[in-house]
N, C-alpha and C. Protein backbone atom coordinates (compact mmCIF):
# COMPACT_ATOMS: atom_id res chain seq x y z
N MET A 1 141.62 80.69 133.21
CA MET A 1 141.83 82.27 133.19
C MET A 1 141.74 82.67 134.86
N LYS A 2 142.49 83.48 135.15
CA LYS A 2 142.34 84.27 136.60
C LYS A 2 141.13 84.97 136.80
N THR A 3 140.69 84.99 138.01
CA THR A 3 139.57 85.89 138.49
C THR A 3 140.22 87.00 139.00
N LEU A 4 139.53 88.25 139.35
CA LEU A 4 140.03 89.25 139.92
C LEU A 4 140.31 89.00 141.55
N GLU A 5 139.87 88.14 141.97
CA GLU A 5 140.04 87.39 143.22
C GLU A 5 141.32 86.76 143.35
N GLN A 6 141.65 86.03 142.56
CA GLN A 6 142.97 85.32 142.44
C GLN A 6 143.92 86.33 142.22
N LEU A 7 143.92 87.09 141.30
CA LEU A 7 144.76 88.21 141.25
C LEU A 7 145.02 89.06 142.53
N PHE A 8 144.01 89.59 143.15
CA PHE A 8 144.04 90.15 144.59
C PHE A 8 144.79 89.15 145.43
N LEU A 9 144.61 87.88 145.68
CA LEU A 9 145.18 87.35 146.71
C LEU A 9 146.76 86.91 146.13
N ASP A 10 147.13 86.79 144.96
CA ASP A 10 148.42 86.71 144.46
C ASP A 10 148.97 87.82 144.71
N SER A 11 148.36 89.13 144.52
CA SER A 11 149.19 90.44 144.68
C SER A 11 149.28 90.55 146.42
N LEU A 12 148.41 90.24 147.03
CA LEU A 12 148.47 90.42 148.46
C LEU A 12 149.61 89.45 148.88
N ALA A 13 149.85 88.30 148.46
CA ALA A 13 150.84 87.44 148.72
C ALA A 13 152.19 87.85 148.74
N ASP A 14 152.20 88.68 147.29
CA ASP A 14 153.48 89.52 146.93
C ASP A 14 153.61 90.60 148.01
N MET A 15 152.89 91.47 148.55
CA MET A 15 153.11 92.28 149.30
C MET A 15 153.55 91.91 150.82
N PHE A 16 152.98 90.73 150.91
CA PHE A 16 153.26 89.93 152.28
C PHE A 16 154.98 89.63 152.31
N TYR A 17 155.31 89.07 151.02
CA TYR A 17 156.56 88.86 150.88
C TYR A 17 157.46 90.14 150.79
N ALA A 18 156.96 91.34 150.35
CA ALA A 18 157.52 92.56 150.23
C ALA A 18 157.95 93.14 151.57
N GLU A 19 156.87 93.13 152.40
CA GLU A 19 156.84 93.71 153.84
C GLU A 19 157.91 92.85 154.56
N LYS A 20 157.95 91.63 154.67
CA LYS A 20 158.95 90.68 155.14
C LYS A 20 160.28 91.10 154.66
N GLN A 21 160.56 91.38 153.39
CA GLN A 21 161.92 91.53 152.97
C GLN A 21 162.27 93.15 153.60
N LEU A 22 161.43 93.98 153.57
CA LEU A 22 161.57 95.24 154.14
C LEU A 22 162.23 95.28 155.49
N THR A 23 161.54 94.40 156.21
CA THR A 23 161.85 94.45 157.68
C THR A 23 163.33 94.11 158.13
N LYS A 24 163.66 93.36 156.99
CA LYS A 24 165.37 92.90 156.87
C LYS A 24 165.92 94.07 156.28
N ALA A 25 165.54 94.96 155.17
CA ALA A 25 166.38 96.14 154.77
C ALA A 25 166.48 97.10 155.40
N LEU A 26 165.30 97.62 156.25
CA LEU A 26 165.04 98.75 156.71
C LEU A 26 166.28 98.97 157.96
N PRO A 27 166.59 98.01 158.94
CA PRO A 27 167.82 98.16 159.68
C PRO A 27 169.11 98.34 159.03
N LYS A 28 169.43 97.95 157.98
CA LYS A 28 170.71 98.12 157.35
C LYS A 28 170.56 99.65 156.65
N MET A 29 169.24 99.83 156.31
CA MET A 29 169.24 101.33 155.80
C MET A 29 169.43 102.50 157.04
N ALA A 30 168.88 102.11 158.24
CA ALA A 30 169.02 102.92 159.38
C ALA A 30 170.53 102.75 159.94
N THR A 31 171.12 101.96 159.89
CA THR A 31 172.62 102.12 160.24
C THR A 31 173.27 102.84 159.13
N ALA A 32 173.15 102.52 157.89
CA ALA A 32 173.82 103.18 156.93
C ALA A 32 173.54 104.89 157.18
N ALA A 33 172.37 105.39 157.50
CA ALA A 33 172.25 106.68 157.45
C ALA A 33 173.22 107.42 158.47
N THR A 34 173.42 108.68 157.98
CA THR A 34 174.60 109.32 158.87
C THR A 34 173.66 110.65 159.48
N HIS A 35 172.51 110.99 159.01
CA HIS A 35 171.82 111.79 159.55
C HIS A 35 170.66 111.24 160.59
N GLY A 36 170.66 111.93 161.80
CA GLY A 36 169.87 111.17 162.89
C GLY A 36 168.45 111.19 162.58
N ASP A 37 167.93 112.41 161.91
CA ASP A 37 166.41 112.24 161.70
C ASP A 37 166.01 111.33 160.65
N LEU A 38 167.04 110.97 159.73
CA LEU A 38 166.91 109.99 158.90
C LEU A 38 166.73 108.66 159.22
N ARG A 39 167.72 108.26 160.27
CA ARG A 39 168.04 106.94 160.74
C ARG A 39 166.87 106.74 161.82
N GLU A 40 166.16 107.80 162.46
CA GLU A 40 164.99 107.57 163.43
C GLU A 40 163.82 107.53 162.31
N ALA A 41 163.68 108.03 161.15
CA ALA A 41 162.62 107.73 160.28
C ALA A 41 162.52 106.34 159.62
N PHE A 42 163.81 105.75 159.45
CA PHE A 42 163.87 104.40 159.27
C PHE A 42 163.41 103.38 160.33
N GLU A 43 163.85 103.63 161.25
CA GLU A 43 163.53 103.02 162.69
C GLU A 43 161.97 103.01 162.81
N LEU A 44 161.59 104.18 162.68
CA LEU A 44 160.06 104.35 163.08
C LEU A 44 159.23 103.61 161.94
N HIS A 45 159.76 103.72 160.72
CA HIS A 45 158.97 102.94 159.53
C HIS A 45 159.29 101.45 159.70
N LEU A 46 160.38 100.80 160.35
CA LEU A 46 160.37 99.65 160.71
C LEU A 46 159.36 99.04 161.45
N ALA A 47 158.99 99.85 162.59
CA ALA A 47 157.77 99.45 163.48
C ALA A 47 156.58 99.38 162.72
N LYS A 48 156.38 100.44 161.72
CA LYS A 48 155.07 100.40 161.00
C LYS A 48 155.01 99.33 160.02
N THR A 49 156.27 98.93 159.31
CA THR A 49 156.20 97.94 158.29
C THR A 49 155.99 96.44 159.08
N GLU A 50 156.44 96.31 160.37
CA GLU A 50 156.08 95.15 160.90
C GLU A 50 154.58 94.90 161.31
N GLY A 51 153.91 96.33 161.64
CA GLY A 51 152.56 96.50 161.66
C GLY A 51 151.79 95.96 160.27
N HIS A 52 152.57 96.44 159.22
CA HIS A 52 151.87 96.05 158.06
C HIS A 52 151.72 94.56 157.79
N LEU A 53 152.75 93.98 158.26
CA LEU A 53 152.65 92.41 158.09
C LEU A 53 151.47 91.89 158.94
N GLN A 54 151.30 92.51 159.94
CA GLN A 54 150.16 91.95 160.59
C GLN A 54 148.83 92.36 159.93
N LYS A 55 148.88 93.40 159.35
CA LYS A 55 147.73 94.05 158.76
C LYS A 55 147.30 93.06 157.51
N VAL A 56 148.40 92.84 156.99
CA VAL A 56 148.13 92.16 155.46
C VAL A 56 147.66 90.64 155.98
N GLN A 57 148.16 90.01 157.16
CA GLN A 57 147.67 88.86 157.49
C GLN A 57 146.17 88.90 157.85
N ARG A 58 145.85 90.27 158.42
CA ARG A 58 144.43 90.37 158.92
C ARG A 58 143.57 90.23 157.45
N VAL A 59 144.23 91.02 156.46
CA VAL A 59 143.30 90.94 155.33
C VAL A 59 143.25 89.50 154.74
N PHE A 60 144.10 88.77 154.77
CA PHE A 60 143.94 87.47 154.38
C PHE A 60 142.92 86.58 155.02
N GLU A 61 142.83 86.81 156.55
CA GLU A 61 142.01 86.28 157.34
C GLU A 61 140.48 86.73 156.86
N LEU A 62 140.56 88.23 156.66
CA LEU A 62 139.10 88.63 156.10
C LEU A 62 138.73 87.93 154.98
N CYS A 63 139.61 87.49 154.20
CA CYS A 63 139.02 86.76 152.97
C CYS A 63 139.07 85.30 153.25
N ASP A 64 139.07 84.90 154.23
CA ASP A 64 138.79 83.42 154.69
C ASP A 64 140.25 82.76 154.06
N GLU A 65 141.39 83.10 154.09
CA GLU A 65 142.55 82.53 153.48
C GLU A 65 143.80 82.58 154.63
N SER A 66 144.51 81.52 154.56
CA SER A 66 145.70 81.46 155.47
C SER A 66 146.80 82.55 154.96
N PRO A 67 147.34 83.36 155.69
CA PRO A 67 148.33 84.02 155.04
C PRO A 67 149.58 83.34 154.44
N TRP A 68 150.04 83.64 153.28
CA TRP A 68 151.05 83.01 152.28
C TRP A 68 151.87 84.23 151.50
N SER A 69 152.88 83.88 151.19
CA SER A 69 153.82 84.81 150.54
C SER A 69 154.25 84.35 149.05
N LYS A 70 154.49 85.21 148.48
CA LYS A 70 154.81 84.89 147.10
C LYS A 70 155.92 85.97 146.61
N ARG A 71 157.13 85.21 146.12
CA ARG A 71 158.38 85.79 145.83
C ARG A 71 157.85 87.09 144.89
N CYS A 72 158.48 88.17 145.59
CA CYS A 72 158.17 89.67 144.78
C CYS A 72 159.55 90.20 143.99
N PRO A 73 159.56 90.05 142.77
CA PRO A 73 160.86 90.23 142.07
C PRO A 73 161.07 91.72 142.06
N ALA A 74 159.99 92.79 142.01
CA ALA A 74 160.13 93.94 142.32
C ALA A 74 160.93 94.37 143.65
N ILE A 75 160.33 93.99 144.63
CA ILE A 75 160.86 94.60 145.88
C ILE A 75 162.51 93.92 146.07
N VAL A 76 162.44 92.86 145.36
CA VAL A 76 163.88 92.14 145.45
C VAL A 76 164.86 93.02 144.86
N GLY A 77 164.43 93.64 143.58
CA GLY A 77 165.38 94.43 142.82
C GLY A 77 165.36 95.65 143.43
N ILE A 78 164.31 96.41 144.15
CA ILE A 78 164.43 97.62 144.89
C ILE A 78 165.60 97.36 146.06
N ILE A 79 165.40 96.41 146.73
CA ILE A 79 166.35 96.24 147.96
C ILE A 79 167.67 96.11 147.60
N LYS A 80 167.95 95.15 146.21
CA LYS A 80 169.34 95.06 145.85
C LYS A 80 170.07 96.49 145.25
N GLU A 81 169.07 97.24 144.64
CA GLU A 81 169.52 98.77 144.29
C GLU A 81 169.96 99.46 145.57
N ALA A 82 169.05 99.31 146.54
CA ALA A 82 169.36 100.04 147.92
C ALA A 82 170.81 99.44 148.41
N GLU A 83 171.02 98.41 148.27
CA GLU A 83 172.20 97.69 148.96
C GLU A 83 173.29 98.28 148.04
N GLU A 84 173.28 98.34 146.81
CA GLU A 84 174.36 98.71 145.82
C GLU A 84 174.60 100.42 146.01
N LEU A 85 173.44 101.21 146.35
CA LEU A 85 173.57 102.63 146.65
C LEU A 85 174.31 102.84 147.88
N ILE A 86 174.05 102.13 148.96
CA ILE A 86 174.65 102.29 150.23
C ILE A 86 176.29 101.89 150.11
N SER A 87 176.62 100.93 149.33
CA SER A 87 177.83 100.45 148.96
C SER A 87 178.60 101.53 148.49
N GLU A 88 177.88 102.10 147.37
CA GLU A 88 178.45 103.31 146.25
C GLU A 88 178.82 104.55 147.08
N ASN A 89 178.04 104.72 148.08
CA ASN A 89 177.91 106.09 148.68
C ASN A 89 178.23 106.21 150.08
N LYS A 90 178.80 104.85 150.52
CA LYS A 90 179.33 104.84 151.86
C LYS A 90 180.47 106.00 152.27
N LYS A 91 180.18 106.60 153.34
CA LYS A 91 181.44 107.54 153.72
C LYS A 91 181.37 108.81 152.92
N CYS A 92 180.51 109.02 151.98
CA CYS A 92 180.19 110.00 151.25
C CYS A 92 179.27 110.96 151.71
N PRO A 93 179.23 112.26 151.50
CA PRO A 93 178.24 113.16 151.67
C PRO A 93 176.71 112.90 151.04
N THR A 94 176.73 112.01 150.16
CA THR A 94 175.50 111.78 149.37
C THR A 94 174.94 110.35 149.80
N ILE A 95 175.15 110.14 150.79
CA ILE A 95 174.85 108.65 151.46
C ILE A 95 173.24 108.68 151.81
N ASN A 96 173.13 110.11 152.63
CA ASN A 96 171.67 110.17 153.14
C ASN A 96 170.72 110.39 151.93
N ALA A 97 171.18 111.15 150.95
CA ALA A 97 170.29 111.38 149.83
C ALA A 97 169.81 109.89 148.86
N ALA A 98 171.05 109.35 148.77
CA ALA A 98 170.97 108.00 147.93
C ALA A 98 169.84 107.26 148.83
N LEU A 99 170.00 107.15 150.29
CA LEU A 99 169.17 106.50 151.11
C LEU A 99 167.50 106.77 150.87
N VAL A 100 167.40 108.21 150.89
CA VAL A 100 165.97 108.69 150.59
C VAL A 100 165.64 108.07 149.21
N MET A 101 166.54 108.00 148.15
CA MET A 101 165.88 107.56 146.98
C MET A 101 165.55 106.27 146.96
N ALA A 102 166.45 105.29 147.48
CA ALA A 102 165.98 104.07 147.49
C ALA A 102 164.94 103.87 148.44
N ALA A 103 164.69 104.46 149.47
CA ALA A 103 163.37 104.31 150.41
C ALA A 103 162.30 104.59 149.49
N GLN A 104 162.31 105.90 148.81
CA GLN A 104 161.15 106.39 148.15
C GLN A 104 160.79 105.42 146.81
N LYS A 105 161.69 104.70 146.33
CA LYS A 105 161.39 103.67 145.38
C LYS A 105 160.54 102.58 146.10
N ALA A 106 160.92 102.08 146.95
CA ALA A 106 160.12 101.16 147.95
C ALA A 106 158.71 101.66 148.12
N GLU A 107 158.79 102.87 148.61
CA GLU A 107 157.36 103.40 149.14
C GLU A 107 156.63 103.65 147.94
N HIS A 108 156.99 104.15 146.86
CA HIS A 108 156.18 104.33 145.69
C HIS A 108 155.69 102.96 145.15
N TYR A 109 156.58 102.03 145.07
CA TYR A 109 155.96 100.58 144.82
C TYR A 109 154.94 99.91 145.80
N GLU A 110 155.01 100.35 146.89
CA GLU A 110 153.94 99.96 147.86
C GLU A 110 152.84 100.93 147.90
N ILE A 111 152.85 102.26 147.54
CA ILE A 111 151.74 102.91 147.47
C ILE A 111 150.86 102.57 146.02
N ALA A 112 151.63 102.38 145.08
CA ALA A 112 150.93 101.73 143.90
C ALA A 112 150.24 100.35 144.33
N SER A 113 151.05 99.39 144.78
CA SER A 113 150.40 98.19 145.02
C SER A 113 149.30 98.15 146.07
N TYR A 114 149.24 99.07 147.04
CA TYR A 114 148.26 98.82 147.99
C TYR A 114 147.01 99.75 147.53
N GLY A 115 147.49 100.51 146.75
CA GLY A 115 146.23 101.25 146.18
C GLY A 115 145.41 100.42 145.30
N CYS A 116 146.16 99.79 144.40
CA CYS A 116 145.43 98.64 143.47
C CYS A 116 144.57 97.57 144.33
N LEU A 117 145.47 97.05 145.35
CA LEU A 117 144.87 96.24 146.35
C LEU A 117 143.56 96.65 147.03
N ARG A 118 143.63 97.92 147.46
CA ARG A 118 142.40 98.48 148.12
C ARG A 118 141.23 98.57 147.06
N ASP A 119 141.37 99.06 145.98
CA ASP A 119 140.44 99.18 144.96
C ASP A 119 139.80 98.03 144.65
N TRP A 120 140.71 96.81 144.42
CA TRP A 120 140.17 95.69 144.05
C TRP A 120 139.42 94.87 145.17
N ALA A 121 139.78 95.25 146.37
CA ALA A 121 139.08 94.67 147.56
C ALA A 121 137.59 95.21 147.52
N ARG A 122 137.62 96.53 147.29
CA ARG A 122 136.27 97.31 147.20
C ARG A 122 135.56 96.58 145.92
N GLN A 123 136.12 96.71 144.82
CA GLN A 123 135.48 95.77 143.63
C GLN A 123 134.86 94.41 144.14
N LEU A 124 135.60 93.71 145.12
CA LEU A 124 135.05 92.50 145.17
C LEU A 124 134.37 92.57 146.53
N GLN A 125 133.69 93.63 147.07
CA GLN A 125 132.78 93.76 147.96
C GLN A 125 133.64 93.21 149.26
N LYS A 126 134.76 93.49 149.28
CA LYS A 126 135.60 93.24 150.63
C LYS A 126 135.79 94.31 151.48
N GLU A 127 134.83 95.05 152.08
CA GLU A 127 135.01 96.39 152.72
C GLU A 127 136.11 96.46 153.89
N ASP A 128 135.85 95.52 154.65
CA ASP A 128 136.87 95.35 155.74
C ASP A 128 138.14 95.31 155.43
N ALA A 129 138.42 94.42 154.35
CA ALA A 129 139.89 94.26 153.72
C ALA A 129 140.15 95.58 153.13
N ALA A 130 139.24 96.12 152.46
CA ALA A 130 139.52 97.51 151.88
C ALA A 130 140.10 98.63 153.07
N LYS A 131 139.36 98.69 153.96
CA LYS A 131 139.65 99.68 155.16
C LYS A 131 140.90 99.17 155.72
N VAL A 132 141.49 98.16 155.78
CA VAL A 132 142.79 97.81 156.32
C VAL A 132 143.81 98.02 155.14
N LEU A 133 143.57 97.75 153.92
CA LEU A 133 144.60 98.12 153.16
C LEU A 133 144.80 99.72 152.93
N ASP A 134 143.61 100.53 153.17
CA ASP A 134 143.70 102.03 153.10
C ASP A 134 144.41 102.38 154.28
N GLU A 135 144.39 101.90 155.35
CA GLU A 135 145.22 102.24 156.53
C GLU A 135 146.88 102.02 156.17
N ILE A 136 147.14 100.89 155.49
CA ILE A 136 148.50 100.65 154.93
C ILE A 136 148.98 101.93 154.13
N LEU A 137 147.90 101.94 153.11
CA LEU A 137 148.24 102.86 152.15
C LEU A 137 148.51 104.30 152.64
N ALA A 138 147.79 104.79 153.68
CA ALA A 138 147.84 106.03 154.25
C ALA A 138 149.38 106.16 155.11
N GLU A 139 149.55 105.13 155.70
CA GLU A 139 151.01 105.14 156.42
C GLU A 139 152.17 104.92 155.27
N GLU A 140 152.03 104.37 154.19
CA GLU A 140 153.22 104.40 153.20
C GLU A 140 153.14 105.76 152.54
N LYS A 141 152.13 106.59 152.37
CA LYS A 141 152.01 107.92 151.89
C LYS A 141 152.83 108.92 152.92
N LYS A 142 152.35 108.55 154.05
CA LYS A 142 152.94 109.39 155.24
C LYS A 142 154.68 109.47 155.14
N ALA A 143 154.85 108.03 155.08
CA ALA A 143 156.35 107.85 155.04
C ALA A 143 156.84 108.59 154.17
N ASP A 144 156.30 108.59 152.80
CA ASP A 144 156.69 109.12 151.51
C ASP A 144 157.07 110.62 151.60
N VAL A 145 155.87 111.20 152.44
CA VAL A 145 156.14 112.66 152.58
C VAL A 145 157.34 112.97 153.62
N LYS A 146 157.36 112.08 154.74
CA LYS A 146 158.58 112.28 155.50
C LYS A 146 160.00 112.56 154.98
N LEU A 147 160.02 111.45 154.09
CA LEU A 147 161.28 111.06 153.28
C LEU A 147 161.34 112.49 152.31
N THR A 148 160.66 112.84 151.85
CA THR A 148 160.68 114.12 150.95
C THR A 148 160.97 115.46 151.81
N GLU A 149 160.54 115.48 152.93
CA GLU A 149 160.80 116.64 153.97
C GLU A 149 162.19 116.24 154.31
N LEU A 150 162.62 115.42 154.45
CA LEU A 150 164.17 115.06 154.88
C LEU A 150 165.00 115.26 153.84
N ALA A 151 164.84 114.92 152.60
CA ALA A 151 165.54 115.20 151.42
C ALA A 151 165.65 116.78 151.32
N LYS A 152 164.65 117.50 151.22
CA LYS A 152 164.48 118.85 151.16
C LYS A 152 165.39 119.57 152.14
N ALA A 153 165.20 119.04 153.35
CA ALA A 153 165.51 119.95 154.46
C ALA A 153 167.23 119.70 154.79
N HIS A 154 167.60 118.56 154.28
CA HIS A 154 169.07 118.06 154.65
C HIS A 154 169.75 117.48 153.63
N CYS A 155 169.25 116.16 153.39
CA CYS A 155 169.92 115.35 152.54
C CYS A 155 170.44 115.44 151.16
N ASN A 156 169.54 116.28 150.58
CA ASN A 156 169.86 116.81 149.27
C ASN A 156 170.84 117.98 149.34
N ILE A 157 170.65 118.80 150.33
CA ILE A 157 171.62 119.87 150.55
C ILE A 157 173.09 119.60 150.80
N THR A 158 173.00 118.76 151.91
CA THR A 158 174.59 118.16 152.06
C THR A 158 175.09 117.23 151.17
N ALA A 159 174.35 116.58 150.17
CA ALA A 159 175.04 115.87 149.10
C ALA A 159 175.50 116.70 148.03
N GLU A 160 174.74 118.04 147.78
CA GLU A 160 175.23 119.20 146.93
C GLU A 160 176.48 119.92 147.38
N MET A 161 176.52 119.99 148.55
CA MET A 161 177.39 120.92 149.35
C MET A 161 178.68 120.06 149.42
N GLY A 162 178.42 118.84 149.62
CA GLY A 162 179.82 117.97 149.82
C GLY A 162 180.18 117.91 151.36
N GLU A 163 179.16 118.30 152.25
CA GLU A 163 179.64 118.13 153.60
C GLU A 163 178.63 117.06 154.20
N GLU A 164 179.18 116.33 155.45
CA GLU A 164 178.47 115.50 156.20
C GLU A 164 177.75 115.90 157.51
N THR A 165 177.90 117.42 157.60
CA THR A 165 177.27 117.80 159.03
C THR A 165 175.76 117.45 159.20
N GLU A 166 175.46 117.38 160.28
CA GLU A 166 174.24 116.95 160.73
C GLU A 166 173.31 118.20 160.91
N ARG A 167 172.07 118.32 160.32
CA ARG A 167 171.29 119.42 160.46
C ARG A 167 169.75 118.78 160.74
N PRO A 168 169.57 118.73 162.18
CA PRO A 168 168.23 118.23 162.40
C PRO A 168 167.25 119.12 161.76
N LEU A 169 166.07 118.37 161.54
CA LEU A 169 164.73 118.97 160.93
C LEU A 169 164.44 119.74 162.12
N ALA A 170 163.90 121.12 161.84
CA ALA A 170 163.40 122.11 162.74
C ALA A 170 162.15 121.24 163.42
N ARG A 171 161.87 120.91 164.73
CA ARG A 171 160.74 120.66 165.20
C ARG A 171 159.52 121.48 165.23
N ALA A 172 158.15 121.00 165.09
CA ALA A 172 157.06 121.88 165.22
C ALA A 172 156.78 122.08 166.71
N ALA A 173 156.79 123.41 167.03
CA ALA A 173 156.52 123.64 168.49
C ALA A 173 155.24 123.11 169.05
């Protein structure tokens, strides 16, 4: 029978794999984006994702484990769907809305996973690991909010109107 600690480590390995795959997918999504603010959001999140890899490694170390990865079928499917959306919407005014949807699917998967991992770390009395996982979780939630803002301010509007003009987000003064 598996223990919660084994489930925790298996799931952490799953997320290590997922983050590695996302570091490969995000540049493709940035390239496919036709709106500058969306492209910038993908580029900034790539840097965060690279940081998440380091943080997941740190969690392994805090658990006295060497970092390892386990193939994550969920992220493989999410990335495959993102690639299909890019292909089907390339050169269309819907491309940015499609990219937001694909990215939010990945973010929601990560939010659910890191939320569980954080809670399990707390249950296992691994407070230092829980703090690191909570940092990742907060960054994933922030990325999701940014994607929602971009969708509402531009991507969904241009998809509906059938135009590809770029309208950057209004910047806070």
